[in-house]
Amino acid sequence: MRLGPPTPERNGAFDLMQQGERLMTVRHRFKHAETLEARLAAEAERLREQASSLPPGAARDEMLRKARQAETGSQMSEWLRSPGLQPPD
């Protein structure tokens, strides 16, 4: 069933929900220019640079933690994509 624009008589998706029909979620796909590993590594580097400009404290520690998480995620993704699936060093 195709939905047109909502009108005063019909409020699009809300009317379908009232009728008990299930709605499909539309996914907008996006093709990334860089791999996940490269994006995570860049994010880790950005966070480390940002943390270096902060004074010691909770905010700096949190940024460094996020940088380590991004770096670990990058390494895990690379490892999972590898053909031999060798354990990490």
N, C-alpha and C. Protein backbone atom coordinates (compact mmCIF):
# COMPACT_ATOMS: atom_id res chain seq x y z
N MET A 1 0.84 -1.16 0.00
CA MET A 1 0.00 0.00 0.00
C MET A 1 0.89 1.23 0.00
N ARG A 2 0.71 2.13 -0.95
CA ARG A 2 1.47 3.36 -1.04
C ARG A 2 0.76 4.46 -0.29
N LEU A 3 1.53 5.26 0.37
CA LEU A 3 0.96 6.39 1.09
C LEU A 3 1.23 7.67 0.33
N GLY A 4 0.24 8.49 0.19
CA GLY A 4 0.43 9.81 -0.38
C GLY A 4 0.70 10.78 0.74
N PRO A 5 0.78 12.05 0.40
CA PRO A 5 1.01 13.04 1.47
C PRO A 5 -0.19 13.10 2.40
N PRO A 6 0.03 13.40 3.67
CA PRO A 6 -1.08 13.49 4.61
C PRO A 6 -2.07 14.58 4.19
N THR A 7 -3.32 14.31 4.37
CA THR A 7 -4.38 15.27 4.09
C THR A 7 -5.17 15.47 5.37
N PRO A 8 -6.05 16.45 5.41
CA PRO A 8 -6.86 16.64 6.63
C PRO A 8 -7.68 15.39 6.98
N GLU A 9 -8.09 14.64 5.97
CA GLU A 9 -8.90 13.44 6.23
C GLU A 9 -8.03 12.26 6.65
N ARG A 10 -6.79 12.25 6.23
CA ARG A 10 -5.93 11.10 6.47
C ARG A 10 -4.55 11.59 6.90
N ASN A 11 -4.06 11.07 8.00
CA ASN A 11 -2.79 11.51 8.54
C ASN A 11 -1.68 10.50 8.23
N GLY A 12 -1.63 9.98 7.05
CA GLY A 12 -0.54 9.11 6.59
C GLY A 12 -0.31 7.90 7.47
N ALA A 13 0.90 7.79 8.01
CA ALA A 13 1.31 6.63 8.79
C ALA A 13 0.48 6.45 10.05
N PHE A 14 0.04 7.53 10.66
CA PHE A 14 -0.74 7.41 11.88
C PHE A 14 -2.03 6.64 11.64
N ASP A 15 -2.71 6.90 10.49
CA ASP A 15 -3.93 6.17 10.17
C ASP A 15 -3.65 4.68 10.02
N LEU A 16 -2.54 4.32 9.39
CA LEU A 16 -2.21 2.90 9.22
C LEU A 16 -1.97 2.24 10.57
N MET A 17 -1.33 2.97 11.47
CA MET A 17 -1.07 2.40 12.79
C MET A 17 -2.39 2.18 13.53
N GLN A 18 -3.33 3.08 13.35
CA GLN A 18 -4.62 2.92 14.00
C GLN A 18 -5.37 1.71 13.43
N GLN A 19 -5.12 1.41 12.17
CA GLN A 19 -5.78 0.27 11.53
C GLN A 19 -5.07 -1.03 11.88
N GLY A 20 -3.94 -0.97 12.55
CA GLY A 20 -3.24 -2.17 12.98
C GLY A 20 -2.27 -2.72 11.94
N GLU A 21 -1.98 -1.98 10.89
CA GLU A 21 -1.05 -2.46 9.88
C GLU A 21 0.37 -2.17 10.34
N ARG A 22 1.29 -3.00 9.88
CA ARG A 22 2.69 -2.79 10.23
C ARG A 22 3.31 -1.85 9.21
N LEU A 23 4.19 -1.00 9.69
CA LEU A 23 4.87 -0.05 8.82
C LEU A 23 6.29 -0.51 8.57
N MET A 24 6.79 -0.27 7.39
CA MET A 24 8.17 -0.59 7.06
C MET A 24 9.03 0.63 7.33
N THR A 25 10.18 0.42 7.90
CA THR A 25 11.12 1.50 8.13
C THR A 25 11.95 1.66 6.87
N VAL A 26 12.08 2.87 6.40
CA VAL A 26 12.89 3.14 5.21
C VAL A 26 14.30 3.45 5.67
N ARG A 27 15.26 2.70 5.14
CA ARG A 27 16.66 2.93 5.47
C ARG A 27 17.32 3.70 4.34
N HIS A 28 17.95 4.80 4.69
CA HIS A 28 18.68 5.58 3.72
C HIS A 28 20.13 5.14 3.78
N ARG A 29 20.57 4.46 2.76
CA ARG A 29 21.93 3.93 2.77
C ARG A 29 22.91 4.99 2.31
N PHE A 30 24.11 4.91 2.86
CA PHE A 30 25.15 5.87 2.56
C PHE A 30 26.44 5.11 2.31
N LYS A 31 27.07 5.35 1.20
CA LYS A 31 28.33 4.69 0.87
C LYS A 31 29.48 5.55 1.39
N HIS A 32 30.23 5.02 2.34
CA HIS A 32 31.35 5.75 2.92
C HIS A 32 32.54 5.72 1.98
N ALA A 33 33.27 6.81 1.95
CA ALA A 33 34.47 6.89 1.11
C ALA A 33 35.63 6.13 1.74
N GLU A 34 35.67 6.08 3.06
CA GLU A 34 36.75 5.39 3.77
C GLU A 34 36.21 4.15 4.46
N THR A 35 37.09 3.22 4.76
CA THR A 35 36.69 2.01 5.47
C THR A 35 36.37 2.35 6.92
N LEU A 36 35.66 1.46 7.57
CA LEU A 36 35.35 1.64 8.99
C LEU A 36 36.64 1.76 9.79
N GLU A 37 37.63 0.93 9.47
CA GLU A 37 38.89 0.95 10.20
C GLU A 37 39.56 2.32 10.09
N ALA A 38 39.56 2.89 8.89
CA ALA A 38 40.19 4.20 8.68
C ALA A 38 39.43 5.30 9.42
N ARG A 39 38.11 5.23 9.40
CA ARG A 39 37.31 6.24 10.11
C ARG A 39 37.53 6.16 11.61
N LEU A 40 37.58 4.94 12.16
CA LEU A 40 37.81 4.78 13.60
C LEU A 40 39.21 5.24 13.99
N ALA A 41 40.20 4.92 13.16
CA ALA A 41 41.58 5.35 13.45
C ALA A 41 41.68 6.87 13.41
N ALA A 42 41.01 7.51 12.45
CA ALA A 42 41.02 8.97 12.37
C ALA A 42 40.33 9.59 13.58
N GLU A 43 39.24 8.97 14.01
CA GLU A 43 38.53 9.46 15.20
C GLU A 43 39.41 9.33 16.44
N ALA A 44 40.13 8.22 16.56
CA ALA A 44 41.04 8.03 17.70
C ALA A 44 42.12 9.09 17.70
N GLU A 45 42.68 9.38 16.54
CA GLU A 45 43.72 10.41 16.43
C GLU A 45 43.16 11.78 16.80
N ARG A 46 41.96 12.10 16.29
CA ARG A 46 41.33 13.38 16.59
C ARG A 46 41.08 13.53 18.10
N LEU A 47 40.60 12.46 18.74
CA LEU A 47 40.33 12.50 20.17
C LEU A 47 41.62 12.67 20.98
N ARG A 48 42.69 11.99 20.56
CA ARG A 48 43.96 12.13 21.27
C ARG A 48 44.51 13.56 21.17
N GLU A 49 44.40 14.16 19.98
CA GLU A 49 44.85 15.54 19.81
C GLU A 49 44.02 16.48 20.68
N GLN A 50 42.72 16.26 20.70
CA GLN A 50 41.83 17.10 21.50
C GLN A 50 42.14 16.93 22.99
N ALA A 51 42.42 15.70 23.41
CA ALA A 51 42.72 15.43 24.82
C ALA A 51 44.04 16.09 25.23
N SER A 52 44.99 16.16 24.30
CA SER A 52 46.29 16.75 24.65
C SER A 52 46.17 18.24 24.97
N SER A 53 45.11 18.88 24.48
CA SER A 53 44.94 20.31 24.76
C SER A 53 44.18 20.56 26.06
N LEU A 54 43.69 19.50 26.69
CA LEU A 54 42.93 19.64 27.94
C LEU A 54 43.85 19.46 29.14
N PRO A 55 43.51 20.12 30.25
CA PRO A 55 44.29 19.89 31.47
C PRO A 55 43.95 18.51 32.04
N PRO A 56 44.85 17.94 32.83
CA PRO A 56 44.55 16.65 33.44
C PRO A 56 43.23 16.70 34.21
N GLY A 57 42.46 15.62 34.08
CA GLY A 57 41.18 15.58 34.78
C GLY A 57 40.23 14.60 34.13
N ALA A 58 38.99 14.64 34.57
CA ALA A 58 37.99 13.69 34.11
C ALA A 58 37.69 13.82 32.62
N ALA A 59 37.60 15.05 32.12
CA ALA A 59 37.28 15.25 30.70
C ALA A 59 38.37 14.68 29.81
N ARG A 60 39.62 14.93 30.19
CA ARG A 60 40.76 14.41 29.42
C ARG A 60 40.78 12.88 29.46
N ASP A 61 40.58 12.32 30.65
CA ASP A 61 40.56 10.86 30.79
C ASP A 61 39.45 10.24 29.94
N GLU A 62 38.30 10.88 29.90
CA GLU A 62 37.18 10.36 29.11
C GLU A 62 37.51 10.38 27.61
N MET A 63 38.15 11.45 27.16
CA MET A 63 38.53 11.52 25.74
C MET A 63 39.56 10.47 25.39
N LEU A 64 40.52 10.27 26.27
CA LEU A 64 41.53 9.24 26.03
C LEU A 64 40.89 7.84 26.03
N ARG A 65 39.91 7.63 26.89
CA ARG A 65 39.20 6.35 26.92
C ARG A 65 38.47 6.11 25.60
N LYS A 66 37.81 7.16 25.10
CA LYS A 66 37.11 7.04 23.82
C LYS A 66 38.07 6.80 22.67
N ALA A 67 39.24 7.43 22.74
CA ALA A 67 40.26 7.21 21.70
C ALA A 67 40.73 5.76 21.71
N ARG A 68 40.95 5.21 22.90
CA ARG A 68 41.37 3.80 23.00
C ARG A 68 40.27 2.88 22.47
N GLN A 69 39.01 3.23 22.77
CA GLN A 69 37.89 2.42 22.28
C GLN A 69 37.84 2.43 20.76
N ALA A 70 37.99 3.60 20.17
CA ALA A 70 37.95 3.71 18.71
C ALA A 70 39.11 2.94 18.09
N GLU A 71 40.28 3.05 18.69
CA GLU A 71 41.45 2.34 18.18
C GLU A 71 41.26 0.82 18.28
N THR A 72 40.72 0.37 19.41
CA THR A 72 40.46 -1.06 19.59
C THR A 72 39.41 -1.53 18.59
N GLY A 73 38.38 -0.74 18.38
CA GLY A 73 37.36 -1.10 17.40
C GLY A 73 37.92 -1.20 16.01
N SER A 74 38.82 -0.29 15.66
CA SER A 74 39.47 -0.32 14.35
C SER A 74 40.29 -1.60 14.19
N GLN A 75 41.06 -1.95 15.21
CA GLN A 75 41.88 -3.16 15.16
C GLN A 75 41.02 -4.42 15.10
N MET A 76 39.93 -4.44 15.87
CA MET A 76 39.05 -5.62 15.86
C MET A 76 38.38 -5.78 14.50
N SER A 77 37.93 -4.69 13.92
CA SER A 77 37.29 -4.76 12.61
C SER A 77 38.28 -5.25 11.56
N GLU A 78 39.50 -4.74 11.63
CA GLU A 78 40.54 -5.18 10.70
C GLU A 78 40.81 -6.67 10.88
N TRP A 79 40.88 -7.11 12.11
CA TRP A 79 41.14 -8.52 12.41
C TRP A 79 39.99 -9.40 11.90
N LEU A 80 38.74 -8.96 12.12
CA LEU A 80 37.60 -9.74 11.68
C LEU A 80 37.50 -9.83 10.16
N ARG A 81 37.99 -8.82 9.46
CA ARG A 81 37.96 -8.83 8.00
C ARG A 81 39.13 -9.60 7.39
N SER A 82 40.13 -9.91 8.20
CA SER A 82 41.31 -10.57 7.65
C SER A 82 40.96 -11.99 7.20
N PRO A 83 41.62 -12.46 6.14
CA PRO A 83 41.28 -13.79 5.59
C PRO A 83 41.62 -14.94 6.53
N GLY A 84 42.67 -14.81 7.33
CA GLY A 84 43.10 -15.92 8.17
C GLY A 84 42.53 -15.90 9.58
N LEU A 85 41.95 -14.79 10.00
CA LEU A 85 41.44 -14.61 11.36
C LEU A 85 42.45 -15.06 12.41
N GLN A 86 43.60 -14.45 12.40
CA GLN A 86 44.63 -14.74 13.37
C GLN A 86 44.33 -13.95 14.65
N PRO A 87 44.63 -14.50 15.82
CA PRO A 87 44.39 -13.74 17.06
C PRO A 87 45.25 -12.49 17.10
N PRO A 88 44.78 -11.44 17.79
CA PRO A 88 45.56 -10.20 17.87
C PRO A 88 46.86 -10.40 18.61
N ASP A 89 47.83 -9.51 18.33
CA ASP A 89 49.15 -9.60 18.97
C ASP A 89 49.09 -9.36 20.44
